[in-house]
Amino acid sequence: MTDLTAHPALVLNADYRPLSSHPLSSWGWKDALTAVYFGRVDVVAVYDRTARTAGGKLIPLPSVVRLRTFVRPRKRVSVTRWGIFTRDVNRCCYCLEQKPISELTFDHVIPRSRPLNIKGARIYGRGLRAAVGAAG
């Protein structure tokens, strides 16, 4: 065994859906093995690698685990810079070009006077050049 840090385990809810998609829910191999040992998860798939216990027993590293109890997803979505850019696939709302995050900022496109029920629906990513052009 050389480097086991490159063996994360995908964590699925009890209904086999990922707990989160952005970022994808994963645990390190130690956390996954601990959860398996205490019976909190079921192993769905394993890597070809194994870990050795203190007693010398070889245990296959889980690559996908499923929680035994259902975790209710969050209803409220937190509005963050990273979340806005991920939702918009790093596209400027004005020119629709995909840009690196270093060249994006965000902007209120729909006026606050128009009611919306979705938190963060008014905020969109825009390129820095579009930001300069919109300010003038």
Foldseek 3Di string as FASTA:
>chain_A
DPDQQPQWAQEAEQVRHFLDVVPGDTHGQVVVVVCVVVVQKDADAFDPDWDADPVGDTHTGGRYIYGNHGDDHDPADDDDLVVQCVVLVCAAPPPRDRDPSVQKDKDQQDDPVDDDPHPPPRIHIHGPVVVVVVVD
